[in-house]
PDB file of N, CA and C in Angstrom:
ATOM      1  N   UNK A   1       0.586  10.120-139.118  1.00  0.00           N
ATOM      2  CA  UNK A   1      -0.847   9.902-138.988  1.00  0.00           C
ATOM      3  C   UNK A   1      -1.555  10.794-139.999  1.00  0.00           C
ATOM      4  N   UNK A   2      -2.520  10.241-140.669  1.00  0.00           N
ATOM      5  CA  UNK A   2      -3.230  11.047-141.668  1.00  0.00           C
ATOM      6  C   UNK A   2      -4.308  11.907-141.021  1.00  0.00           C
ATOM      7  N   UNK A   3      -4.819  12.869-141.766  1.00  0.00           N
ATOM      8  CA  UNK A   3      -5.722  13.874-141.201  1.00  0.00           C
ATOM      9  C   UNK A   3      -7.190  13.478-141.239  1.00  0.00           C
ATOM     10  N   UNK A   4      -7.531  12.322-141.778  1.00  0.00           N
ATOM     11  CA  UNK A   4      -8.934  11.935-141.924  1.00  0.00           C
ATOM     12  C   UNK A   4      -9.350  10.866-140.900  1.00  0.00           C
ATOM     13  N   UNK A   5      -8.780  10.931-139.727  1.00  0.00           N
ATOM     14  CA  UNK A   5      -9.078   9.965-138.673  1.00  0.00           C
ATOM     15  C   UNK A   5     -10.356  10.369-137.952  1.00  0.00           C
ATOM     16  N   UNK A   6     -11.221   9.389-137.693  1.00  0.00           N
ATOM     17  CA  UNK A   6     -12.410   9.664-136.889  1.00  0.00           C
ATOM     18  C   UNK A   6     -12.003   9.791-135.430  1.00  0.00           C
ATOM     19  N   UNK A   7     -12.546  10.807-134.784  1.00  0.00           N
ATOM     20  CA  UNK A   7     -12.291  11.033-133.366  1.00  0.00           C
ATOM     21  C   UNK A   7     -13.628  11.320-132.679  1.00  0.00           C
ATOM     22  N   UNK A   8     -13.576  11.439-131.364  1.00  0.00           N
ATOM     23  CA  UNK A   8     -14.786  11.786-130.612  1.00  0.00           C
ATOM     24  C   UNK A   8     -15.298  13.174-130.974  1.00  0.00           C
ATOM     25  N   UNK A   9     -14.439  13.997-131.565  1.00  0.00           N
ATOM     26  CA  UNK A   9     -14.826  15.361-131.944  1.00  0.00           C
ATOM     27  C   UNK A   9     -15.480  15.449-133.317  1.00  0.00           C
ATOM     28  N   UNK A  10     -15.269  14.445-134.173  1.00  0.00           N
ATOM     29  CA  UNK A  10     -15.819  14.540-135.534  1.00  0.00           C
ATOM     30  C   UNK A  10     -16.665  13.324-135.937  1.00  0.00           C
ATOM     31  N   UNK A  11     -17.067  12.527-134.954  1.00  0.00           N
ATOM     32  CA  UNK A  11     -17.861  11.329-135.232  1.00  0.00           C
ATOM     33  C   UNK A  11     -18.928  11.163-134.152  1.00  0.00           C
ATOM     34  N   UNK A  12     -19.837  10.259-134.393  1.00  0.00           N
ATOM     35  CA  UNK A  12     -20.869   9.927-133.397  1.00  0.00           C
ATOM     36  C   UNK A  12     -21.114   8.422-133.442  1.00  0.00           C
ATOM     37  N   UNK A  13     -21.537   7.873-132.327  1.00  0.00           N
ATOM     38  CA  UNK A  13     -21.903   6.465-132.244  1.00  0.00           C
ATOM     39  C   UNK A  13     -23.420   6.383-132.381  1.00  0.00           C
ATOM     40  N   UNK A  14     -23.893   5.638-133.367  1.00  0.00           N
ATOM     41  CA  UNK A  14     -25.323   5.456-133.596  1.00  0.00           C
ATOM     42  C   UNK A  14     -25.680   4.018-133.271  1.00  0.00           C
ATOM     43  N   UNK A  15     -26.553   3.825-132.297  1.00  0.00           N
ATOM     44  CA  UNK A  15     -27.017   2.483-131.947  1.00  0.00           C
ATOM     45  C   UNK A  15     -28.507   2.411-132.268  1.00  0.00           C
ATOM     46  N   UNK A  16     -28.831   1.620-133.254  1.00  0.00           N
ATOM     47  CA  UNK A  16     -30.185   1.584-133.802  1.00  0.00           C
ATOM     48  C   UNK A  16     -30.927   0.332-133.354  1.00  0.00           C
ATOM     49  N   UNK A  17     -32.024   0.542-132.651  1.00  0.00           N
ATOM     50  CA  UNK A  17     -32.983  -0.507-132.306  1.00  0.00           C
ATOM     51  C   UNK A  17     -32.404  -1.671-131.492  1.00  0.00           C
ATOM     52  N   UNK A  18     -31.597  -1.361-130.507  1.00  0.00           N
ATOM     53  CA  UNK A  18     -31.118  -2.404-129.601  1.00  0.00           C
ATOM     54  C   UNK A  18     -32.166  -2.587-128.499  1.00  0.00           C
ATOM     55  N   UNK A  19     -33.280  -3.176-128.924  1.00  0.00           N
ATOM     56  CA  UNK A  19     -34.447  -3.355-128.075  1.00  0.00           C
ATOM     57  C   UNK A  19     -34.557  -4.816-127.652  1.00  0.00           C
ATOM     58  N   UNK A  20     -35.218  -5.043-126.539  1.00  0.00           N
ATOM     59  CA  UNK A  20     -35.304  -6.401-126.003  1.00  0.00           C
ATOM     60  C   UNK A  20     -35.922  -7.371-127.008  1.00  0.00           C
ATOM     61  N   UNK A  21     -36.911  -6.923-127.741  1.00  0.00           N
ATOM     62  CA  UNK A  21     -37.548  -7.797-128.730  1.00  0.00           C
ATOM     63  C   UNK A  21     -36.706  -7.983-129.969  1.00  0.00           C
ATOM     64  N   UNK A  22     -36.226  -6.891-130.542  1.00  0.00           N
ATOM     65  CA  UNK A  22     -35.471  -6.999-131.795  1.00  0.00           C
ATOM     66  C   UNK A  22     -34.165  -7.764-131.596  1.00  0.00           C
ATOM     67  N   UNK A  23     -33.517  -7.580-130.463  1.00  0.00           N
ATOM     68  CA  UNK A  23     -32.282  -8.319-130.201  1.00  0.00           C
ATOM     69  C   UNK A  23     -32.578  -9.820-130.112  1.00  0.00           C
ATOM     70  N   UNK A  24     -33.723 -10.169-129.545  1.00  0.00           N
ATOM     71  CA  UNK A  24     -34.059 -11.592-129.407  1.00  0.00           C
ATOM     72  C   UNK A  24     -34.354 -12.256-130.749  1.00  0.00           C
ATOM     73  N   UNK A  25     -34.582 -11.461-131.777  1.00  0.00           N
ATOM     74  CA  UNK A  25     -34.860 -12.020-133.107  1.00  0.00           C
ATOM     75  C   UNK A  25     -33.590 -12.347-133.877  1.00  0.00           C
ATOM     76  N   UNK A  26     -32.439 -12.047-133.301  1.00  0.00           N
ATOM     77  CA  UNK A  26     -31.167 -12.303-133.975  1.00  0.00           C
ATOM     78  C   UNK A  26     -30.935 -13.797-134.089  1.00  0.00           C
ATOM     79  N   UNK A  27     -30.662 -14.237-135.302  1.00  0.00           N
ATOM     80  CA  UNK A  27     -30.378 -15.659-135.511  1.00  0.00           C
ATOM     81  C   UNK A  27     -28.970 -15.895-136.041  1.00  0.00           C
ATOM     82  N   UNK A  28     -28.308 -14.859-136.525  1.00  0.00           N
ATOM     83  CA  UNK A  28     -26.978 -15.015-137.103  1.00  0.00           C
ATOM     84  C   UNK A  28     -25.872 -14.997-136.048  1.00  0.00           C
ATOM     85  N   UNK A  29     -26.170 -14.443-134.880  1.00  0.00           N
ATOM     86  CA  UNK A  29     -25.188 -14.346-133.804  1.00  0.00           C
ATOM     87  C   UNK A  29     -25.872 -14.672-132.482  1.00  0.00           C
ATOM     88  N   UNK A  30     -25.077 -14.997-131.494  1.00  0.00           N
ATOM     89  CA  UNK A  30     -25.610 -15.233-130.163  1.00  0.00           C
ATOM     90  C   UNK A  30     -26.223 -13.943-129.626  1.00  0.00           C
ATOM     91  N   UNK A  31     -27.434 -14.012-129.121  1.00  0.00           N
ATOM     92  CA  UNK A  31     -28.158 -12.835-128.640  1.00  0.00           C
ATOM     93  C   UNK A  31     -27.381 -12.103-127.554  1.00  0.00           C
ATOM     94  N   UNK A  32     -26.795 -12.827-126.649  1.00  0.00           N
ATOM     95  CA  UNK A  32     -26.037 -12.183-125.566  1.00  0.00           C
ATOM     96  C   UNK A  32     -24.800 -11.472-126.103  1.00  0.00           C
ATOM     97  N   UNK A  33     -24.178 -12.030-127.149  1.00  0.00           N
ATOM     98  CA  UNK A  33     -23.028 -11.367-127.763  1.00  0.00           C
ATOM     99  C   UNK A  33     -23.444 -10.059-128.445  1.00  0.00           C
ATOM    100  N   UNK A  34     -24.584 -10.072-129.111  1.00  0.00           N
ATOM    101  CA  UNK A  34     -25.088  -8.859-129.762  1.00  0.00           C
ATOM    102  C   UNK A  34     -25.341  -7.780-128.712  1.00  0.00           C
ATOM    103  N   UNK A  35     -26.004  -8.175-127.643  1.00  0.00           N
ATOM    104  CA  UNK A  35     -26.317  -7.231-126.565  1.00  0.00           C
ATOM    105  C   UNK A  35     -25.032  -6.699-125.931  1.00  0.00           C
ATOM    106  N   UNK A  36     -24.092  -7.591-125.649  1.00  0.00           N
ATOM    107  CA  UNK A  36     -22.833  -7.191-125.026  1.00  0.00           C
ATOM    108  C   UNK A  36     -22.054  -6.239-125.930  1.00  0.00           C
ATOM    109  N   UNK A  37     -22.060  -6.492-127.217  1.00  0.00           N
ATOM    110  CA  UNK A  37     -21.358  -5.618-128.162  1.00  0.00           C
ATOM    111  C   UNK A  37     -21.963  -4.219-128.170  1.00  0.00           C
ATOM    112  N   UNK A  38     -23.285  -4.135-128.175  1.00  0.00           N
ATOM    113  CA  UNK A  38     -23.953  -2.824-128.156  1.00  0.00           C
ATOM    114  C   UNK A  38     -23.629  -2.075-126.871  1.00  0.00           C
ATOM    115  N   UNK A  39     -23.640  -2.774-125.757  1.00  0.00           N
ATOM    116  CA  UNK A  39     -23.326  -2.140-124.480  1.00  0.00           C
ATOM    117  C   UNK A  39     -21.872  -1.679-124.442  1.00  0.00           C
ATOM    118  N   UNK A  40     -20.964  -2.474-125.002  1.00  0.00           N
ATOM    119  CA  UNK A  40     -19.556  -2.079-125.061  1.00  0.00           C
ATOM    120  C   UNK A  40     -19.374  -0.824-125.911  1.00  0.00           C
ATOM    121  N   UNK A  41     -20.063  -0.759-127.056  1.00  0.00           N
ATOM    122  CA  UNK A  41     -19.971   0.421-127.906  1.00  0.00           C
ATOM    123  C   UNK A  41     -20.483   1.661-127.181  1.00  0.00           C
ATOM    124  N   UNK A  42     -21.585   1.513-126.448  1.00  0.00           N
ATOM    125  CA  UNK A  42     -22.127   2.641-125.683  1.00  0.00           C
ATOM    126  C   UNK A  42     -21.139   3.078-124.599  1.00  0.00           C
ATOM    127  N   UNK A  43     -20.512   2.116-123.942  1.00  0.00           N
ATOM    128  CA  UNK A  43     -19.525   2.449-122.905  1.00  0.00           C
ATOM    129  C   UNK A  43     -18.332   3.187-123.498  1.00  0.00           C
ATOM    130  N   UNK A  44     -17.866   2.735-124.653  1.00  0.00           N
ATOM    131  CA  UNK A  44     -16.726   3.379-125.303  1.00  0.00           C
ATOM    132  C   UNK A  44     -17.078   4.820-125.679  1.00  0.00           C
ATOM    133  N   UNK A  45     -18.242   5.000-126.317  1.00  0.00           N
ATOM    134  CA  UNK A  45     -18.651   6.348-126.721  1.00  0.00           C
ATOM    135  C   UNK A  45     -18.733   7.271-125.505  1.00  0.00           C
ATOM    136  N   UNK A  46     -19.316   6.774-124.442  1.00  0.00           N
ATOM    137  CA  UNK A  46     -19.464   7.574-123.222  1.00  0.00           C
ATOM    138  C   UNK A  46     -18.095   7.904-122.622  1.00  0.00           C
ATOM    139  N   UNK A  47     -17.217   6.925-122.598  1.00  0.00           N
ATOM    140  CA  UNK A  47     -15.901   7.114-121.985  1.00  0.00           C
ATOM    141  C   UNK A  47     -15.057   8.150-122.719  1.00  0.00           C
ATOM    142  N   UNK A  48     -15.176   8.202-124.045  1.00  0.00           N
ATOM    143  CA  UNK A  48     -14.340   9.141-124.807  1.00  0.00           C
ATOM    144  C   UNK A  48     -15.064  10.440-125.141  1.00  0.00           C
ATOM    145  N   UNK A  49     -16.298  10.585-124.658  1.00  0.00           N
ATOM    146  CA  UNK A  49     -17.049  11.812-124.905  1.00  0.00           C
ATOM    147  C   UNK A  49     -17.594  11.936-126.309  1.00  0.00           C
ATOM    148  N   UNK A  50     -17.778  10.821-126.968  1.00  0.00           N
ATOM    149  CA  UNK A  50     -18.333  10.824-128.325  1.00  0.00           C
ATOM    150  C   UNK A  50     -19.851  10.914-128.233  1.00  0.00           C
ATOM    151  N   UNK A  51     -20.468  11.733-129.079  1.00  0.00           N
ATOM    152  CA  UNK A  51     -21.931  11.779-129.080  1.00  0.00           C
ATOM    153  C   UNK A  51     -22.512  10.386-129.330  1.00  0.00           C
ATOM    154  N   UNK A  52     -23.536  10.046-128.566  1.00  0.00           N
ATOM    155  CA  UNK A  52     -24.198   8.746-128.673  1.00  0.00           C
ATOM    156  C   UNK A  52     -25.657   8.992-128.993  1.00  0.00           C
ATOM    157  N   UNK A  53     -26.118   8.451-130.109  1.00  0.00           N
ATOM    158  CA  UNK A  53     -27.518   8.591-130.513  1.00  0.00           C
ATOM    159  C   UNK A  53     -28.155   7.210-130.479  1.00  0.00           C
ATOM    160  N   UNK A  54     -29.198   7.079-129.683  1.00  0.00           N
ATOM    161  CA  UNK A  54     -29.951   5.831-129.597  1.00  0.00           C
ATOM    162  C   UNK A  54     -31.302   6.021-130.268  1.00  0.00           C
ATOM    163  N   UNK A  55     -31.785   4.982-130.908  1.00  0.00           N
ATOM    164  CA  UNK A  55     -33.104   5.041-131.505  1.00  0.00           C
ATOM    165  C   UNK A  55     -33.822   3.721-131.276  1.00  0.00           C
ATOM    166  N   UNK A  56     -35.138   3.808-131.266  1.00  0.00           N
ATOM    167  CA  UNK A  56     -35.968   2.616-131.094  1.00  0.00           C
ATOM    168  C   UNK A  56     -37.182   2.745-131.996  1.00  0.00           C
ATOM    169  N   UNK A  57     -37.828   1.624-132.193  1.00  0.00           N
ATOM    170  CA  UNK A  57     -39.019   1.599-133.025  1.00  0.00           C
ATOM    171  C   UNK A  57     -40.145   0.896-132.279  1.00  0.00           C
ATOM    172  N   UNK A  58     -41.201   1.591-132.075  1.00  0.00           N
ATOM    173  CA  UNK A  58     -42.413   1.027-131.474  1.00  0.00           C
ATOM    174  C   UNK A  58     -42.121   0.223-130.194  1.00  0.00           C
ATOM    175  N   UNK A  59     -41.622   0.910-129.202  1.00  0.00           N
ATOM    176  CA  UNK A  59     -41.258   0.264-127.935  1.00  0.00           C
ATOM    177  C   UNK A  59     -42.431  -0.418-127.241  1.00  0.00           C
ATOM    178  N   UNK A  60     -43.633   0.011-127.551  1.00  0.00           N
ATOM    179  CA  UNK A  60     -44.815  -0.565-126.900  1.00  0.00           C
ATOM    180  C   UNK A  60     -45.331  -1.804-127.626  1.00  0.00           C
ATOM    181  N   UNK A  61     -44.599  -2.276-128.613  1.00  0.00           N
ATOM    182  CA  UNK A  61     -45.006  -3.472-129.365  1.00  0.00           C
ATOM    183  C   UNK A  61     -43.970  -4.574-129.191  1.00  0.00           C
ATOM    184  N   UNK A  62     -43.993  -5.536-130.096  1.00  0.00           N
ATOM    185  CA  UNK A  62     -43.110  -6.703-129.995  1.00  0.00           C
ATOM    186  C   UNK A  62     -41.627  -6.330-129.957  1.00  0.00           C
ATOM    187  N   UNK A  63     -41.280  -5.184-130.516  1.00  0.00           N
ATOM    188  CA  UNK A  63     -39.890  -4.761-130.506  1.00  0.00           C
ATOM    189  C   UNK A  63     -39.376  -4.549-129.082  1.00  0.00           C
ATOM    190  N   UNK A  64     -40.271  -4.145-128.207  1.00  0.00           N
ATOM    191  CA  UNK A  64     -39.932  -3.946-126.804  1.00  0.00           C
ATOM    192  C   UNK A  64     -39.109  -2.699-126.550  1.00  0.00           C
ATOM    193  N   UNK A  65     -38.823  -2.436-125.282  1.00  0.00           N
ATOM    194  CA  UNK A  65     -38.036  -1.257-124.904  1.00  0.00           C
ATOM    195  C   UNK A  65     -36.564  -1.458-125.242  1.00  0.00           C
ATOM    196  N   UNK A  66     -35.816  -0.369-125.201  1.00  0.00           N
ATOM    197  CA  UNK A  66     -34.370  -0.492-125.369  1.00  0.00           C
ATOM    198  C   UNK A  66     -33.814  -1.381-124.261  1.00  0.00           C
ATOM    199  N   UNK A  67     -32.705  -2.031-124.546  1.00  0.00           N
ATOM    200  CA  UNK A  67     -32.046  -2.852-123.543  1.00  0.00           C
ATOM    201  C   UNK A  67     -31.805  -1.967-122.318  1.00  0.00           C
ATOM    202  N   UNK A  68     -32.297  -2.364-121.147  1.00  0.00           N
ATOM    203  CA  UNK A  68     -32.260  -1.478-119.969  1.00  0.00           C
ATOM    204  C   UNK A  68     -30.862  -1.063-119.526  1.00  0.00           C
ATOM    205  N   UNK A  69     -29.852  -1.866-119.801  1.00  0.00           N
ATOM    206  CA  UNK A  69     -28.493  -1.514-119.398  1.00  0.00           C
ATOM    207  C   UNK A  69     -27.997  -0.250-120.097  1.00  0.00           C
ATOM    208  N   UNK A  70     -28.583   0.065-121.257  1.00  0.00           N
ATOM    209  CA  UNK A  70     -28.191   1.298-121.947  1.00  0.00           C
ATOM    210  C   UNK A  70     -28.507   2.522-121.104  1.00  0.00           C
ATOM    211  N   UNK A  71     -29.579   2.465-120.340  1.00  0.00           N
ATOM    212  CA  UNK A  71     -29.935   3.596-119.473  1.00  0.00           C
ATOM    213  C   UNK A  71     -28.894   3.782-118.366  1.00  0.00           C
ATOM    214  N   UNK A  72     -28.355   2.678-117.857  1.00  0.00           N
ATOM    215  CA  UNK A  72     -27.331   2.750-116.814  1.00  0.00           C
ATOM    216  C   UNK A  72     -26.025   3.326-117.359  1.00  0.00           C
ATOM    217  N   UNK A  73     -25.681   2.928-118.583  1.00  0.00           N
ATOM    218  CA  UNK A  73     -24.415   3.341-119.197  1.00  0.00           C
ATOM    219  C   UNK A  73     -24.470   4.789-119.680  1.00  0.00           C
ATOM    220  N   UNK A  74     -25.587   5.149-120.313  1.00  0.00           N
ATOM    221  CA  UNK A  74     -25.701   6.467-120.942  1.00  0.00           C
ATOM    222  C   UNK A  74     -27.089   7.053-120.672  1.00  0.00           C
ATOM    223  N   UNK A  75     -27.335   7.512-119.450  1.00  0.00           N
ATOM    224  CA  UNK A  75     -28.675   7.973-119.087  1.00  0.00           C
ATOM    225  C   UNK A  75     -29.208   9.120-119.952  1.00  0.00           C
ATOM    226  N   UNK A  76     -28.351  10.060-120.336  1.00  0.00           N
ATOM    227  CA  UNK A  76     -28.826  11.187-121.155  1.00  0.00           C
ATOM    228  C   UNK A  76     -29.197  10.714-122.561  1.00  0.00           C
ATOM    229  N   UNK A  77     -28.337   9.922-123.180  1.00  0.00           N
ATOM    230  CA  UNK A  77     -28.628   9.399-124.521  1.00  0.00           C
ATOM    231  C   UNK A  77     -29.890   8.541-124.486  1.00  0.00           C
ATOM    232  N   UNK A  78     -30.054   7.789-123.401  1.00  0.00           N
ATOM    233  CA  UNK A  78     -31.243   6.948-123.261  1.00  0.00           C
ATOM    234  C   UNK A  78     -32.497   7.826-123.172  1.00  0.00           C
ATOM    235  N   UNK A  79     -32.440   8.841-122.340  1.00  0.00           N
ATOM    236  CA  UNK A  79     -33.599   9.732-122.181  1.00  0.00           C
ATOM    237  C   UNK A  79     -33.910  10.489-123.469  1.00  0.00           C
ATOM    238  N   UNK A  80     -32.862  10.830-124.234  1.00  0.00           N
ATOM    239  CA  UNK A  80     -33.026  11.600-125.472  1.00  0.00           C
ATOM    240  C   UNK A  80     -33.216  10.721-126.707  1.00  0.00           C
ATOM    241  N   UNK A  81     -33.365   9.412-126.516  1.00  0.00           N
ATOM    242  CA  UNK A  81     -33.444   8.503-127.661  1.00  0.00           C
ATOM    243  C   UNK A  81     -34.557   8.914-128.623  1.00  0.00           C
ATOM    244  N   UNK A  82     -34.360   8.585-129.872  1.00  0.00           N
ATOM    245  CA  UNK A  82     -35.349   8.868-130.901  1.00  0.00           C
ATOM    246  C   UNK A  82     -36.305   7.694-130.942  1.00  0.00           C
ATOM    247  N   UNK A  83     -37.561   7.945-130.612  1.00  0.00           N
ATOM    248  CA  UNK A  83     -38.589   6.897-130.624  1.00  0.00           C
ATOM    249  C   UNK A  83     -39.345   6.985-131.944  1.00  0.00           C
ATOM    250  N   UNK A  84     -39.014   6.073-132.852  1.00  0.00           N
ATOM    251  CA  UNK A  84     -39.688   6.067-134.153  1.00  0.00           C
ATOM    252  C   UNK A  84     -41.030   5.352-134.023  1.00  0.00           C
ATOM    253  N   UNK A  85     -41.994   5.805-134.795  1.00  0.00           N
ATOM    254  CA  UNK A  85     -43.329   5.213-134.753  1.00  0.00           C
ATOM    255  C   UNK A  85     -43.672   4.606-136.106  1.00  0.00           C
ATOM    256  N   UNK A  86     -43.228   3.397-136.314  1.00  0.00           N
ATOM    257  CA  UNK A  86     -43.604   2.685-137.522  1.00  0.00           C
ATOM    258  C   UNK A  86     -42.664   2.846-138.692  1.00  0.00           C
ATOM    259  N   UNK A  87     -41.700   3.747-138.606  1.00  0.00           N
ATOM    260  CA  UNK A  87     -40.740   3.922-139.693  1.00  0.00           C
ATOM    261  C   UNK A  87     -39.644   2.879-139.508  1.00  0.00           C
ATOM    262  N   UNK A  88     -39.533   1.972-140.473  1.00  0.00           N
ATOM    263  CA  UNK A  88     -38.576   0.880-140.346  1.00  0.00           C
ATOM    264  C   UNK A  88     -37.139   1.374-140.476  1.00  0.00           C
ATOM    265  N   UNK A  89     -36.856   2.168-141.479  1.00  0.00           N
ATOM    266  CA  UNK A  89     -35.506   2.652-141.720  1.00  0.00           C
ATOM    267  C   UNK A  89     -35.267   3.913-140.894  1.00  0.00           C
ATOM    268  N   UNK A  90     -34.354   3.839-139.945  1.00  0.00           N
ATOM    269  CA  UNK A  90     -34.096   4.980-139.069  1.00  0.00           C
ATOM    270  C   UNK A  90     -33.726   6.233-139.855  1.00  0.00           C
ATOM    271  N   UNK A  91     -33.013   6.075-140.953  1.00  0.00           N
ATOM    272  CA  UNK A  91     -32.585   7.237-141.741  1.00  0.00           C
ATOM    273  C   UNK A  91     -33.762   7.929-142.429  1.00  0.00           C
ATOM    274  N   UNK A  92     -34.907   7.287-142.488  1.00  0.00           N
ATOM    275  CA  UNK A  92     -36.093   7.920-143.065  1.00  0.00           C
ATOM    276  C   UNK A  92     -36.881   8.717-142.026  1.00  0.00           C
ATOM    277  N   UNK A  93     -36.441   8.694-140.780  1.00  0.00           N
ATOM    278  CA  UNK A  93     -37.101   9.416-139.701  1.00  0.00           C
ATOM    279  C   UNK A  93     -36.452  10.790-139.550  1.00  0.00           C
ATOM    280  N   UNK A  94     -37.247  11.828-139.671  1.00  0.00           N
ATOM    281  CA  UNK A  94     -36.734  13.200-139.620  1.00  0.00           C
ATOM    282  C   UNK A  94     -36.022  13.501-138.309  1.00  0.00           C
ATOM    283  N   UNK A  95     -36.568  13.033-137.188  1.00  0.00           N
ATOM    284  CA  UNK A  95     -35.958  13.305-135.878  1.00  0.00           C
ATOM    285  C   UNK A  95     -34.591  12.638-135.769  1.00  0.00           C
ATOM    286  N   UNK A  96     -34.461  11.421-136.284  1.00  0.00           N
ATOM    287  CA  UNK A  96     -33.187  10.727-136.255  1.00  0.00           C
ATOM    288  C   UNK A  96     -32.167  11.471-137.110  1.00  0.00           C
ATOM    289  N   UNK A  97     -32.595  11.877-138.315  1.00  0.00           N
ATOM    290  CA  UNK A  97     -31.695  12.621-139.192  1.00  0.00           C
ATOM    291  C   UNK A  97     -31.204  13.901-138.534  1.00  0.00           C
ATOM    292  N   UNK A  98     -32.082  14.615-137.855  1.00  0.00           N
ATOM    293  CA  UNK A  98     -31.694  15.844-137.169  1.00  0.00           C
ATOM    294  C   UNK A  98     -30.692  15.561-136.055  1.00  0.00           C
ATOM    295  N   UNK A  99     -30.911  14.467-135.333  1.00  0.00           N
ATOM    296  CA  UNK A  99     -29.995  14.111-134.243  1.00  0.00           C
ATOM    297  C   UNK A  99     -28.619  13.752-134.780  1.00  0.00           C
ATOM    298  N   UNK A 100     -28.601  13.066-135.903  1.00  0.00           N
ATOM    299  CA  UNK A 100     -27.329  12.674-136.509  1.00  0.00           C
ATOM    300  C   UNK A 100     -26.623  13.896-137.029  1.00  0.00           C
TER     301      UNK A 100
END
């Protein structure tokens, strides 16, 4: 096994804008599959103790709140989510960068 393997100790799971509105705008994949995949990734990160960073953009607008099941799966990550205000690219948000 090589030494450059990602593990729960040297990686993080970043789930960006899995919001009720933004997920519904998906046209390339089935919306339920997109949602299920995000929830599965959150479950995996939680199960192996990998840091999970959630972010959202303008939850009070058309983007909507984060998918509510994320709160059930990862309550701390959900509560600590980075709420961006108008910044489209998450990496351009200082709070998101600090969390990462």
